[in-house]
Amino acid sequence: MNFVRTVLGDIDPEQMGITYAHEHIVIEESFPTRSNPDFLLNDVGKISDELQRVYDAGGRTMVDTMPANCGRNVLKLAEVSRRTGIQIIVPTGIHLEKYYPPDHWRYHYSEDQLTRLFIADIEEGIDAYDYGGPLVERTPHKAGLIKLATGDEPITKHQETVFRAVVNAHRATGIPILTHTNEGKHALEQAEWFARLGADLQHVVLSHVDRFKDIAYNRAVLQTGVRVEYDSGFRWKPDQQNWTYTLLQALLPEFPDQITVGMDAARTTYWQSYGGKPGLTWLLTTFRDDLRRLDLADYFQNLFIDTPKRLYTCNPTPSVPPSSAATPSRAG
């Protein structure tokens, strides 16, 4: 039986409703916030106020994307979900290297160890201390998503290990995969890795690809069969071309079931409850109005409900066999 795994338990996919496909709801004091203090999103009251506004605007599900040991706090995520009614999907997995100290355990764990850690988050429950050690205390709150990230540089041997562990956990559990790309870079290579390793591409989403300002490139990524997440609509300056909108106009009619949207608003300066703007309701106010202005209103159901529902539904029996090729070739 298919399901969506939220921080408060599994739900029927039909219960997801309007979904924000890539957010940062809680970022606890951690290595990333030392150098980026505006990343610190750990006030449950303010977070709940912001998400209540989203709920009142019609939002029902949000995908949190802070994975293991870089600011994740599953207990606070559960509390925010209880207070607001927003259903939150919580990730396991690993983020960009820059969000971890150079001596972090991620660099010493084998593919098998990472695989077992991700599966434990999914099947047993996320550690209350988020692997800050030395004790591990499993909570009832389980991961419904597996994350990995690549940066500007070519994919490294360490990242290859993470790819394999993520796909191992995905194939063992049916839990979907979400990635970070740096402004869409290496999105094609990410898709190639997932195809070769046997991931179910309908349950893989590559984030931030709208920051790669090229229609042909975005089309090529979508043609691989993965889904993409666009989240920069509010970031383009008034004197700039809004490439998020340009890409949606060009590609939504061609790939209506492969594009999702979010805000990736990982800074207090974006949250109204912290005194910032435009606020997380932007997607359901300004962006929704802009869809009408761009003659794309008919795709609202695809962007916010149907595609996220198919993407984030957990399929316990992935059926895509891995390729016989052991290692994907490098993209040029």
C-alpha atoms as a PDB file:
ATOM      1  CA  MET A   1       0.000   0.000   0.000  1.00  0.00           C
ATOM      2  CA  ASN A   2       1.394   3.414  -0.992  1.00  0.00           C
ATOM      3  CA  PHE A   3       1.669   6.176   1.607  1.00  0.00           C
ATOM      4  CA  VAL A   4       3.289   9.514   2.366  1.00  0.00           C
ATOM      5  CA  ARG A   5       5.476   9.480   5.464  1.00  0.00           C
ATOM      6  CA  THR A   6       5.136  12.646   7.554  1.00  0.00           C
ATOM      7  CA  VAL A   7       6.747  13.584  10.832  1.00  0.00           C
ATOM      8  CA  LEU A   8       3.551  12.631  12.697  1.00  0.00           C
ATOM      9  CA  GLY A   9       2.987   9.386  10.829  1.00  0.00           C
ATOM     10  CA  ASP A  10       2.008   7.913   7.476  1.00  0.00           C
ATOM     11  CA  ILE A  11      -0.918   9.405   5.577  1.00  0.00           C
ATOM     12  CA  ASP A  12      -2.861   8.559   2.445  1.00  0.00           C
ATOM     13  CA  PRO A  13      -1.384  10.458  -0.524  1.00  0.00           C
ATOM     14  CA  GLU A  14      -4.815  11.967  -1.155  1.00  0.00           C
ATOM     15  CA  GLN A  15      -4.467  13.843   2.138  1.00  0.00           C
ATOM     16  CA  MET A  16      -1.445  15.867   1.003  1.00  0.00           C
ATOM     17  CA  GLY A  17      -3.362  18.725  -0.573  1.00  0.00           C
ATOM     18  CA  ILE A  18      -1.485  21.861  -1.613  1.00  0.00           C
ATOM     19  CA  THR A  19       2.201  21.101  -1.125  1.00  0.00           C
ATOM     20  CA  TYR A  20       5.324  23.241  -0.832  1.00  0.00           C
ATOM     21  CA  ALA A  21       7.910  20.936  -2.384  1.00  0.00           C
ATOM     22  CA  HIS A  22      11.178  22.273  -0.897  1.00  0.00           C
ATOM     23  CA  GLU A  23      11.433  24.257   2.330  1.00  0.00           C
ATOM     24  CA  HIS A  24      13.609  24.717   5.415  1.00  0.00           C
ATOM     25  CA  ILE A  25      11.197  24.819   8.317  1.00  0.00           C
ATOM     26  CA  VAL A  26      13.595  24.295  11.218  1.00  0.00           C
ATOM     27  CA  ILE A  27      17.329  24.950  11.203  1.00  0.00           C
ATOM     28  CA  GLU A  28      18.727  24.436  14.670  1.00  0.00           C
ATOM     29  CA  GLU A  29      21.958  25.946  15.995  1.00  0.00           C
ATOM     30  CA  SER A  30      24.564  23.955  14.114  1.00  0.00           C
ATOM     31  CA  PHE A  31      27.666  24.168  11.950  1.00  0.00           C
ATOM     32  CA  PRO A  32      25.772  25.899   9.076  1.00  0.00           C
ATOM     33  CA  THR A  33      24.398  28.656  11.328  1.00  0.00           C
ATOM     34  CA  ARG A  34      27.842  29.588  12.697  1.00  0.00           C
ATOM     35  CA  SER A  35      28.803  31.272   9.440  1.00  0.00           C
ATOM     36  CA  ASN A  36      25.228  32.042   8.336  1.00  0.00           C
ATOM     37  CA  PRO A  37      23.343  33.352  11.396  1.00  0.00           C
ATOM     38  CA  ASP A  38      20.310  34.251   9.280  1.00  0.00           C
ATOM     39  CA  PHE A  39      19.894  30.497   8.635  1.00  0.00           C
ATOM     40  CA  LEU A  40      18.895  30.056  12.297  1.00  0.00           C
ATOM     41  CA  LEU A  41      15.215  29.075  12.239  1.00  0.00           C
ATOM     42  CA  ASN A  42      14.622  27.483  15.627  1.00  0.00           C
ATOM     43  CA  ASP A  43      11.925  29.543  17.351  1.00  0.00           C
ATOM     44  CA  VAL A  44       8.924  27.188  17.433  1.00  0.00           C
ATOM     45  CA  GLY A  45       6.531  30.072  18.103  1.00  0.00           C
ATOM     46  CA  LYS A  46       7.657  32.151  15.131  1.00  0.00           C
ATOM     47  CA  ILE A  47       7.865  29.117  12.867  1.00  0.00           C
ATOM     48  CA  SER A  48       4.348  28.099  13.857  1.00  0.00           C
ATOM     49  CA  ASP A  49       3.047  31.611  13.207  1.00  0.00           C
ATOM     50  CA  GLU A  50       4.506  31.543   9.693  1.00  0.00           C
ATOM     51  CA  LEU A  51       3.185  28.078   8.884  1.00  0.00           C
ATOM     52  CA  GLN A  52      -0.238  28.963  10.285  1.00  0.00           C
ATOM     53  CA  ARG A  53      -0.420  31.698   7.668  1.00  0.00           C
ATOM     54  CA  VAL A  54       0.378  29.126   5.000  1.00  0.00           C
ATOM     55  CA  TYR A  55      -2.324  26.824   6.369  1.00  0.00           C
ATOM     56  CA  ASP A  56      -4.851  29.658   6.406  1.00  0.00           C
ATOM     57  CA  ALA A  57      -3.943  30.403   2.760  1.00  0.00           C
ATOM     58  CA  GLY A  58      -4.713  26.783   1.812  1.00  0.00           C
ATOM     59  CA  GLY A  59      -1.356  25.027   2.217  1.00  0.00           C
ATOM     60  CA  ARG A  60      -1.470  21.569   3.773  1.00  0.00           C
ATOM     61  CA  THR A  61       1.922  19.860   3.319  1.00  0.00           C
ATOM     62  CA  MET A  62       5.505  21.136   3.402  1.00  0.00           C
ATOM     63  CA  VAL A  63       8.691  19.265   2.587  1.00  0.00           C
ATOM     64  CA  ASP A  64      11.530  20.076   4.975  1.00  0.00           C
ATOM     65  CA  THR A  65      14.957  19.578   3.405  1.00  0.00           C
ATOM     66  CA  MET A  66      17.505  19.771   6.251  1.00  0.00           C
ATOM     67  CA  PRO A  67      18.990  16.253   6.446  1.00  0.00           C
ATOM     68  CA  ALA A  68      21.147  14.509   9.027  1.00  0.00           C
ATOM     69  CA  ASN A  69      23.324  16.436  11.483  1.00  0.00           C
ATOM     70  CA  CYS A  70      23.341  19.901   9.912  1.00  0.00           C
ATOM     71  CA  GLY A  71      20.513  21.634  11.761  1.00  0.00           C
ATOM     72  CA  ARG A  72      17.718  19.063  11.682  1.00  0.00           C
ATOM     73  CA  ASN A  73      15.525  18.979  14.802  1.00  0.00           C
ATOM     74  CA  VAL A  74      12.785  16.409  14.396  1.00  0.00           C
ATOM     75  CA  LEU A  75      11.186  17.142  17.787  1.00  0.00           C
ATOM     76  CA  LYS A  76      10.617  20.784  16.854  1.00  0.00           C
ATOM     77  CA  LEU A  77       9.305  19.785  13.425  1.00  0.00           C
ATOM     78  CA  ALA A  78       6.795  17.480  15.098  1.00  0.00           C
ATOM     79  CA  GLU A  79       5.698  20.237  17.475  1.00  0.00           C
ATOM     80  CA  VAL A  80       5.234  22.747  14.641  1.00  0.00           C
ATOM     81  CA  SER A  81       3.156  20.199  12.735  1.00  0.00           C
ATOM     82  CA  ARG A  82       0.936  19.594  15.786  1.00  0.00           C
ATOM     83  CA  ARG A  83       0.427  23.312  16.365  1.00  0.00           C
ATOM     84  CA  THR A  84      -0.385  24.278  12.786  1.00  0.00           C
ATOM     85  CA  GLY A  85      -1.891  21.249  11.063  1.00  0.00           C
ATOM     86  CA  ILE A  86       0.749  21.485   8.340  1.00  0.00           C
ATOM     87  CA  GLN A  87       1.895  17.981   7.394  1.00  0.00           C
ATOM     88  CA  ILE A  88       5.702  17.943   7.284  1.00  0.00           C
ATOM     89  CA  ILE A  89       7.863  15.473   5.377  1.00  0.00           C
ATOM     90  CA  VAL A  90      11.267  15.166   7.067  1.00  0.00           C
ATOM     91  CA  PRO A  91      14.474  14.053   5.316  1.00  0.00           C
ATOM     92  CA  THR A  92      17.347  11.780   6.058  1.00  0.00           C
ATOM     93  CA  GLY A  93      20.468  11.874   3.893  1.00  0.00           C
ATOM     94  CA  ILE A  94      23.411  14.253   3.613  1.00  0.00           C
ATOM     95  CA  HIS A  95      23.704  17.913   2.525  1.00  0.00           C
ATOM     96  CA  LEU A  96      26.569  19.804   0.873  1.00  0.00           C
ATOM     97  CA  GLU A  97      30.030  19.332   2.346  1.00  0.00           C
ATOM     98  CA  LYS A  98      30.271  22.993   3.359  1.00  0.00           C
ATOM     99  CA  TYR A  99      27.532  22.446   5.929  1.00  0.00           C
ATOM    100  CA  TYR A 100      29.691  19.989   7.912  1.00  0.00           C
ATOM    101  CA  PRO A 101      33.062  20.373   9.650  1.00  0.00           C
ATOM    102  CA  PRO A 102      36.001  18.817   7.795  1.00  0.00           C
ATOM    103  CA  ASP A 103      36.374  16.008  10.359  1.00  0.00           C
ATOM    104  CA  HIS A 104      32.689  15.001  10.256  1.00  0.00           C
ATOM    105  CA  TRP A 105      31.693  11.334  10.395  1.00  0.00           C
ATOM    106  CA  ARG A 106      30.172  11.549   6.907  1.00  0.00           C
ATOM    107  CA  TYR A 107      33.676  11.350   5.427  1.00  0.00           C
ATOM    108  CA  HIS A 108      34.563   8.183   7.343  1.00  0.00           C
ATOM    109  CA  TYR A 109      31.416   6.105   6.921  1.00  0.00           C
ATOM    110  CA  SER A 110      31.292   3.471   4.213  1.00  0.00           C
ATOM    111  CA  GLU A 111      28.511   3.063   1.674  1.00  0.00           C
ATOM    112  CA  ASP A 112      27.036   0.306   3.803  1.00  0.00           C
ATOM    113  CA  GLN A 113      27.186   2.366   7.004  1.00  0.00           C
ATOM    114  CA  LEU A 114      25.499   5.359   5.357  1.00  0.00           C
ATOM    115  CA  THR A 115      22.869   3.066   3.867  1.00  0.00           C
ATOM    116  CA  ARG A 116      22.087   1.593   7.283  1.00  0.00           C
ATOM    117  CA  LEU A 117      21.939   5.041   8.884  1.00  0.00           C
ATOM    118  CA  PHE A 118      19.454   6.302   6.278  1.00  0.00           C
ATOM    119  CA  ILE A 119      17.299   3.182   6.580  1.00  0.00           C
ATOM    120  CA  ALA A 120      17.294   3.499  10.376  1.00  0.00           C
ATOM    121  CA  ASP A 121      15.957   7.067  10.066  1.00  0.00           C
ATOM    122  CA  ILE A 122      13.237   5.770   7.749  1.00  0.00           C
ATOM    123  CA  GLU A 123      12.234   2.580   9.550  1.00  0.00           C
ATOM    124  CA  GLU A 124      13.183   3.049  13.216  1.00  0.00           C
ATOM    125  CA  GLY A 125      12.942   6.800  13.798  1.00  0.00           C
ATOM    126  CA  ILE A 126      15.209   9.854  13.714  1.00  0.00           C
ATOM    127  CA  ASP A 127      17.635  10.387  16.591  1.00  0.00           C
ATOM    128  CA  ALA A 128      16.445  13.022  19.079  1.00  0.00           C
ATOM    129  CA  TYR A 129      19.990  14.448  19.095  1.00  0.00           C
ATOM    130  CA  ASP A 130      20.395  14.213  15.300  1.00  0.00           C
ATOM    131  CA  TYR A 131      23.572  12.149  15.610  1.00  0.00           C
ATOM    132  CA  GLY A 132      25.302  14.810  17.695  1.00  0.00           C
ATOM    133  CA  GLY A 133      26.453  11.880  19.854  1.00  0.00           C
ATOM    134  CA  PRO A 134      27.545   9.986  21.713  1.00  0.00           C
ATOM    135  CA  LEU A 135      24.117   8.481  22.471  1.00  0.00           C
ATOM    136  CA  VAL A 136      21.380   7.758  19.932  1.00  0.00           C
ATOM    137  CA  GLU A 137      17.767   7.925  21.108  1.00  0.00           C
ATOM    138  CA  ARG A 138      15.304   7.022  18.379  1.00  0.00           C
ATOM    139  CA  THR A 139      12.079   9.028  18.310  1.00  0.00           C
ATOM    140  CA  PRO A 140       8.729   7.904  16.842  1.00  0.00           C
ATOM    141  CA  HIS A 141       9.285  10.413  14.024  1.00  0.00           C
ATOM    142  CA  LYS A 142      10.511   8.830  10.787  1.00  0.00           C
ATOM    143  CA  ALA A 143      12.059  10.201   7.602  1.00  0.00           C
ATOM    144  CA  GLY A 144       9.902  10.325   4.475  1.00  0.00           C
ATOM    145  CA  LEU A 145      12.595  11.547   2.100  1.00  0.00           C
ATOM    146  CA  ILE A 146      16.298  10.951   1.341  1.00  0.00           C
ATOM    147  CA  LYS A 147      18.492  13.916   0.384  1.00  0.00           C
ATOM    148  CA  LEU A 148      21.849  14.352  -1.280  1.00  0.00           C
ATOM    149  CA  ALA A 149      23.674  17.366  -2.686  1.00  0.00           C
ATOM    150  CA  THR A 150      26.331  18.282  -5.220  1.00  0.00           C
ATOM    151  CA  GLY A 151      28.126  21.603  -5.558  1.00  0.00           C
ATOM    152  CA  ASP A 152      29.973  23.503  -8.270  1.00  0.00           C
ATOM    153  CA  GLU A 153      32.853  21.061  -8.586  1.00  0.00           C
ATOM    154  CA  PRO A 154      32.645  17.774 -10.512  1.00  0.00           C
ATOM    155  CA  ILE A 155      31.035  14.981  -8.525  1.00  0.00           C
ATOM    156  CA  THR A 156      33.610  13.621  -6.083  1.00  0.00           C
ATOM    157  CA  LYS A 157      34.395  10.068  -4.961  1.00  0.00           C
ATOM    158  CA  HIS A 158      32.835  10.854  -1.589  1.00  0.00           C
ATOM    159  CA  GLN A 159      29.663  12.098  -3.279  1.00  0.00           C
ATOM    160  CA  GLU A 160      29.603   8.906  -5.355  1.00  0.00           C
ATOM    161  CA  THR A 161      29.509   6.954  -2.083  1.00  0.00           C
ATOM    162  CA  VAL A 162      26.597   9.085  -0.898  1.00  0.00           C
ATOM    163  CA  PHE A 163      24.768   8.528  -4.218  1.00  0.00           C
ATOM    164  CA  ARG A 164      25.073   4.773  -3.815  1.00  0.00           C
ATOM    165  CA  ALA A 165      23.945   4.813  -0.188  1.00  0.00           C
ATOM    166  CA  VAL A 166      20.951   7.031  -0.994  1.00  0.00           C
ATOM    167  CA  VAL A 167      19.833   4.795  -3.857  1.00  0.00           C
ATOM    168  CA  ASN A 168      20.392   1.675  -1.723  1.00  0.00           C
ATOM    169  CA  ALA A 169      18.086   3.094   0.952  1.00  0.00           C
ATOM    170  CA  HIS A 170      15.564   4.241  -1.652  1.00  0.00           C
ATOM    171  CA  ARG A 171      15.438   0.829  -3.301  1.00  0.00           C
ATOM    172  CA  ALA A 172      15.142  -0.936   0.045  1.00  0.00           C
ATOM    173  CA  THR A 173      12.324   1.239   1.404  1.00  0.00           C
ATOM    174  CA  GLY A 174      10.600   2.973  -1.530  1.00  0.00           C
ATOM    175  CA  ILE A 175      11.196   6.370   0.126  1.00  0.00           C
ATOM    176  CA  PRO A 176      11.627   9.152  -2.494  1.00  0.00           C
ATOM    177  CA  ILE A 177      14.823  11.101  -3.202  1.00  0.00           C
ATOM    178  CA  LEU A 178      15.368  14.877  -3.291  1.00  0.00           C
ATOM    179  CA  THR A 179      18.607  16.540  -4.336  1.00  0.00           C
ATOM    180  CA  HIS A 180      20.282  19.913  -4.029  1.00  0.00           C
ATOM    181  CA  THR A 181      21.982  21.333  -7.091  1.00  0.00           C
ATOM    182  CA  ASN A 182      23.988  24.539  -7.069  1.00  0.00           C
ATOM    183  CA  GLU A 183      21.889  26.625  -9.445  1.00  0.00           C
ATOM    184  CA  GLY A 184      21.082  23.548 -11.509  1.00  0.00           C
ATOM    185  CA  LYS A 185      24.698  22.558 -12.093  1.00  0.00           C
ATOM    186  CA  HIS A 186      25.261  18.812 -12.545  1.00  0.00           C
ATOM    187  CA  ALA A 187      21.518  18.147 -12.700  1.00  0.00           C
ATOM    188  CA  LEU A 188      21.983  16.043 -15.818  1.00  0.00           C
ATOM    189  CA  GLU A 189      24.798  14.097 -14.220  1.00  0.00           C
ATOM    190  CA  GLN A 190      22.711  13.546 -11.104  1.00  0.00           C
ATOM    191  CA  ALA A 191      19.907  12.149 -13.260  1.00  0.00           C
ATOM    192  CA  GLU A 192      22.377   9.850 -15.000  1.00  0.00           C
ATOM    193  CA  TRP A 193      23.646   8.512 -11.692  1.00  0.00           C
ATOM    194  CA  PHE A 194      20.129   7.763 -10.495  1.00  0.00           C
ATOM    195  CA  ALA A 195      19.211   5.998 -13.729  1.00  0.00           C
ATOM    196  CA  ARG A 196      22.349   3.831 -13.682  1.00  0.00           C
ATOM    197  CA  LEU A 197      21.947   2.921 -10.014  1.00  0.00           C
ATOM    198  CA  GLY A 198      18.344   1.845 -10.497  1.00  0.00           C
ATOM    199  CA  ALA A 199      16.365   4.576  -8.754  1.00  0.00           C
ATOM    200  CA  ASP A 200      12.722   4.987  -9.672  1.00  0.00           C
ATOM    201  CA  LEU A 201      13.014   8.333 -11.472  1.00  0.00           C
ATOM    202  CA  GLN A 202       9.345   9.153 -10.878  1.00  0.00           C
ATOM    203  CA  HIS A 203      10.278   9.425  -7.207  1.00  0.00           C
ATOM    204  CA  VAL A 204      13.404  11.559  -7.702  1.00  0.00           C
ATOM    205  CA  VAL A 205      13.298  15.371  -7.701  1.00  0.00           C
ATOM    206  CA  LEU A 206      16.234  17.691  -8.469  1.00  0.00           C
ATOM    207  CA  SER A 207      15.977  21.088  -6.787  1.00  0.00           C
ATOM    208  CA  HIS A 208      16.852  24.653  -7.832  1.00  0.00           C
ATOM    209  CA  VAL A 209      17.124  23.830 -11.538  1.00  0.00           C
ATOM    210  CA  ASP A 210      15.282  27.056 -12.464  1.00  0.00           C
ATOM    211  CA  ARG A 211      18.453  28.911 -11.472  1.00  0.00           C
ATOM    212  CA  PHE A 212      20.108  27.463 -14.593  1.00  0.00           C
ATOM    213  CA  LYS A 213      18.967  30.056 -17.112  1.00  0.00           C
ATOM    214  CA  ASP A 214      18.615  27.823 -20.165  1.00  0.00           C
ATOM    215  CA  ILE A 215      15.403  26.308 -21.516  1.00  0.00           C
ATOM    216  CA  ALA A 216      17.175  23.595 -23.506  1.00  0.00           C
ATOM    217  CA  TYR A 217      19.152  22.464 -20.459  1.00  0.00           C
ATOM    218  CA  ASN A 218      16.035  22.277 -18.280  1.00  0.00           C
ATOM    219  CA  ARG A 219      14.244  20.387 -21.038  1.00  0.00           C
ATOM    220  CA  ALA A 220      17.118  17.885 -21.256  1.00  0.00           C
ATOM    221  CA  VAL A 221      16.919  17.284 -17.504  1.00  0.00           C
ATOM    222  CA  LEU A 222      13.172  16.691 -17.693  1.00  0.00           C
ATOM    223  CA  GLN A 223      13.579  14.345 -20.646  1.00  0.00           C
ATOM    224  CA  THR A 224      15.534  11.949 -18.420  1.00  0.00           C
ATOM    225  CA  GLY A 225      12.303  11.255 -16.502  1.00  0.00           C
ATOM    226  CA  VAL A 226      13.180  12.856 -13.161  1.00  0.00           C
ATOM    227  CA  ARG A 227      11.081  15.603 -11.649  1.00  0.00           C
ATOM    228  CA  VAL A 228      12.421  19.094 -10.948  1.00  0.00           C
ATOM    229  CA  GLU A 229      11.656  21.683  -8.286  1.00  0.00           C
ATOM    230  CA  TYR A 230      11.637  25.423  -9.047  1.00  0.00           C
ATOM    231  CA  ASP A 231      11.907  27.900  -6.174  1.00  0.00           C
ATOM    232  CA  SER A 232      13.439  31.177  -7.338  1.00  0.00           C
ATOM    233  CA  GLY A 233      10.388  33.029  -8.585  1.00  0.00           C
ATOM    234  CA  PHE A 234      10.585  35.565  -5.748  1.00  0.00           C
ATOM    235  CA  ARG A 235      14.372  35.986  -5.983  1.00  0.00           C
ATOM    236  CA  TRP A 236      14.695  37.600  -9.418  1.00  0.00           C
ATOM    237  CA  LYS A 237      15.088  41.374  -9.176  1.00  0.00           C
ATOM    238  CA  PRO A 238      12.564  43.665 -10.905  1.00  0.00           C
ATOM    239  CA  ASP A 239      15.112  44.657 -13.553  1.00  0.00           C
ATOM    240  CA  GLN A 240      15.961  41.004 -14.305  1.00  0.00           C
ATOM    241  CA  GLN A 241      14.218  38.455 -16.465  1.00  0.00           C
ATOM    242  CA  ASN A 242      12.272  36.117 -14.187  1.00  0.00           C
ATOM    243  CA  TRP A 243      13.711  32.855 -15.410  1.00  0.00           C
ATOM    244  CA  THR A 244      11.443  30.792 -13.182  1.00  0.00           C
ATOM    245  CA  TYR A 245       8.471  32.190 -15.065  1.00  0.00           C
ATOM    246  CA  THR A 246      10.217  31.873 -18.440  1.00  0.00           C
ATOM    247  CA  LEU A 247      10.909  28.202 -17.790  1.00  0.00           C
ATOM    248  CA  LEU A 248       7.390  27.509 -16.552  1.00  0.00           C
ATOM    249  CA  GLN A 249       5.884  29.101 -19.654  1.00  0.00           C
ATOM    250  CA  ALA A 250       8.155  27.089 -21.926  1.00  0.00           C
ATOM    251  CA  LEU A 251       8.105  23.727 -20.166  1.00  0.00           C
ATOM    252  CA  LEU A 252       4.871  23.272 -18.190  1.00  0.00           C
ATOM    253  CA  PRO A 253       2.807  22.506 -21.312  1.00  0.00           C
ATOM    254  CA  GLU A 254       5.399  19.896 -22.345  1.00  0.00           C
ATOM    255  CA  PHE A 255       6.083  18.367 -18.908  1.00  0.00           C
ATOM    256  CA  PRO A 256       2.967  19.099 -16.804  1.00  0.00           C
ATOM    257  CA  ASP A 257       3.589  16.149 -14.466  1.00  0.00           C
ATOM    258  CA  GLN A 258       7.293  16.675 -13.724  1.00  0.00           C
ATOM    259  CA  ILE A 259       7.583  20.170 -12.223  1.00  0.00           C
ATOM    260  CA  THR A 260       7.040  21.110  -8.586  1.00  0.00           C
ATOM    261  CA  VAL A 261       7.478  24.416  -6.776  1.00  0.00           C
ATOM    262  CA  GLY A 262       8.670  25.655  -3.404  1.00  0.00           C
ATOM    263  CA  MET A 263      10.474  28.626  -1.907  1.00  0.00           C
ATOM    264  CA  ASP A 264      13.643  27.217  -0.290  1.00  0.00           C
ATOM    265  CA  ALA A 265      13.329  30.170   2.089  1.00  0.00           C
ATOM    266  CA  ALA A 266      16.135  29.196   4.442  1.00  0.00           C
ATOM    267  CA  ARG A 267      16.762  32.679   5.867  1.00  0.00           C
ATOM    268  CA  THR A 268      14.969  34.630   8.573  1.00  0.00           C
ATOM    269  CA  THR A 269      15.017  37.624   6.201  1.00  0.00           C
ATOM    270  CA  TYR A 270      12.411  35.815   4.054  1.00  0.00           C
ATOM    271  CA  TRP A 271       9.974  35.069   6.907  1.00  0.00           C
ATOM    272  CA  GLN A 272       7.292  37.549   7.963  1.00  0.00           C
ATOM    273  CA  SER A 273       7.259  36.138  11.496  1.00  0.00           C
ATOM    274  CA  TYR A 274      10.932  37.097  11.807  1.00  0.00           C
ATOM    275  CA  GLY A 275      10.318  40.555  10.324  1.00  0.00           C
ATOM    276  CA  GLY A 276      11.370  39.645   6.781  1.00  0.00           C
ATOM    277  CA  LYS A 277       9.647  39.388   3.412  1.00  0.00           C
ATOM    278  CA  PRO A 278       7.980  38.198   1.241  1.00  0.00           C
ATOM    279  CA  GLY A 279       6.820  35.504   3.684  1.00  0.00           C
ATOM    280  CA  LEU A 280       6.031  31.883   2.951  1.00  0.00           C
ATOM    281  CA  THR A 281       2.506  32.727   1.801  1.00  0.00           C
ATOM    282  CA  TRP A 282       4.079  34.269  -1.332  1.00  0.00           C
ATOM    283  CA  LEU A 283       3.551  31.033  -3.273  1.00  0.00           C
ATOM    284  CA  LEU A 284      -0.200  31.042  -2.619  1.00  0.00           C
ATOM    285  CA  THR A 285      -0.676  34.777  -3.154  1.00  0.00           C
ATOM    286  CA  THR A 286       1.700  36.583  -5.542  1.00  0.00           C
ATOM    287  CA  PHE A 287       2.888  33.464  -7.354  1.00  0.00           C
ATOM    288  CA  ARG A 288      -0.654  32.154  -7.781  1.00  0.00           C
ATOM    289  CA  ASP A 289      -1.714  35.532  -9.197  1.00  0.00           C
ATOM    290  CA  ASP A 290       1.277  35.471 -11.540  1.00  0.00           C
ATOM    291  CA  LEU A 291       0.257  32.052 -12.835  1.00  0.00           C
ATOM    292  CA  ARG A 292      -3.038  33.617 -13.910  1.00  0.00           C
ATOM    293  CA  ARG A 293      -1.225  36.558 -15.510  1.00  0.00           C
ATOM    294  CA  LEU A 294       1.043  34.166 -17.419  1.00  0.00           C
ATOM    295  CA  ASP A 295      -1.946  32.109 -18.577  1.00  0.00           C
ATOM    296  CA  LEU A 296      -0.702  29.145 -16.513  1.00  0.00           C
ATOM    297  CA  ALA A 297      -3.504  28.977 -13.947  1.00  0.00           C
ATOM    298  CA  ASP A 298      -4.681  25.648 -15.342  1.00  0.00           C
ATOM    299  CA  TYR A 299      -1.425  24.087 -14.109  1.00  0.00           C
ATOM    300  CA  PHE A 300      -1.912  25.027 -10.447  1.00  0.00           C
ATOM    301  CA  GLN A 301      -3.308  21.561  -9.678  1.00  0.00           C
ATOM    302  CA  ASN A 302      -0.289  19.912 -11.329  1.00  0.00           C
ATOM    303  CA  LEU A 303       2.300  22.093  -9.603  1.00  0.00           C
ATOM    304  CA  PHE A 304       0.893  22.058  -6.089  1.00  0.00           C
ATOM    305  CA  ILE A 305      -1.157  18.868  -5.744  1.00  0.00           C
ATOM    306  CA  ASP A 306      -0.921  16.148  -8.383  1.00  0.00           C
ATOM    307  CA  THR A 307       2.825  16.109  -9.092  1.00  0.00           C
ATOM    308  CA  PRO A 308       3.949  16.397  -5.429  1.00  0.00           C
ATOM    309  CA  LYS A 309       1.481  13.639  -4.537  1.00  0.00           C
ATOM    310  CA  ARG A 310       2.984  11.247  -7.082  1.00  0.00           C
ATOM    311  CA  LEU A 311       6.545  12.279  -6.276  1.00  0.00           C
ATOM    312  CA  TYR A 312       6.445  12.059  -2.472  1.00  0.00           C
ATOM    313  CA  THR A 313       4.330   8.917  -2.312  1.00  0.00           C
ATOM    314  CA  CYS A 314       6.410   6.065  -0.955  1.00  0.00           C
ATOM    315  CA  ASN A 315       6.466   2.985  -3.117  1.00  0.00           C
ATOM    316  CA  PRO A 316       7.552   0.055  -0.929  1.00  0.00           C
ATOM    317  CA  THR A 317       8.557  -2.119  -3.894  1.00  0.00           C
ATOM    318  CA  PRO A 318      10.701  -0.131  -6.356  1.00  0.00           C
ATOM    319  CA  SER A 319      10.673  -2.038  -9.616  1.00  0.00           C
ATOM    320  CA  VAL A 320      13.412  -0.339 -11.641  1.00  0.00           C
ATOM    321  CA  PRO A 321      16.412  -2.680 -12.022  1.00  0.00           C
ATOM    322  CA  PRO A 322      19.906  -1.208 -11.747  1.00  0.00           C
ATOM    323  CA  SER A 323      21.914  -0.921 -14.950  1.00  0.00           C
ATOM    324  CA  SER A 324      24.750  -3.367 -15.501  1.00  0.00           C
ATOM    325  CA  ALA A 325      27.043  -0.348 -15.835  1.00  0.00           C
ATOM    326  CA  ALA A 326      28.829   0.088 -12.501  1.00  0.00           C
ATOM    327  CA  THR A 327      29.660   3.759 -12.790  1.00  0.00           C
ATOM    328  CA  PRO A 328      27.975   6.490 -14.835  1.00  0.00           C
ATOM    329  CA  SER A 329      30.141   8.265 -17.356  1.00  0.00           C
ATOM    330  CA  ARG A 330      31.014  11.889 -16.665  1.00  0.00           C
ATOM    331  CA  ALA A 331      28.827  14.487 -18.283  1.00  0.00           C
ATOM    332  CA  GLY A 332      30.706  16.910 -20.446  1.00  0.00           C
END
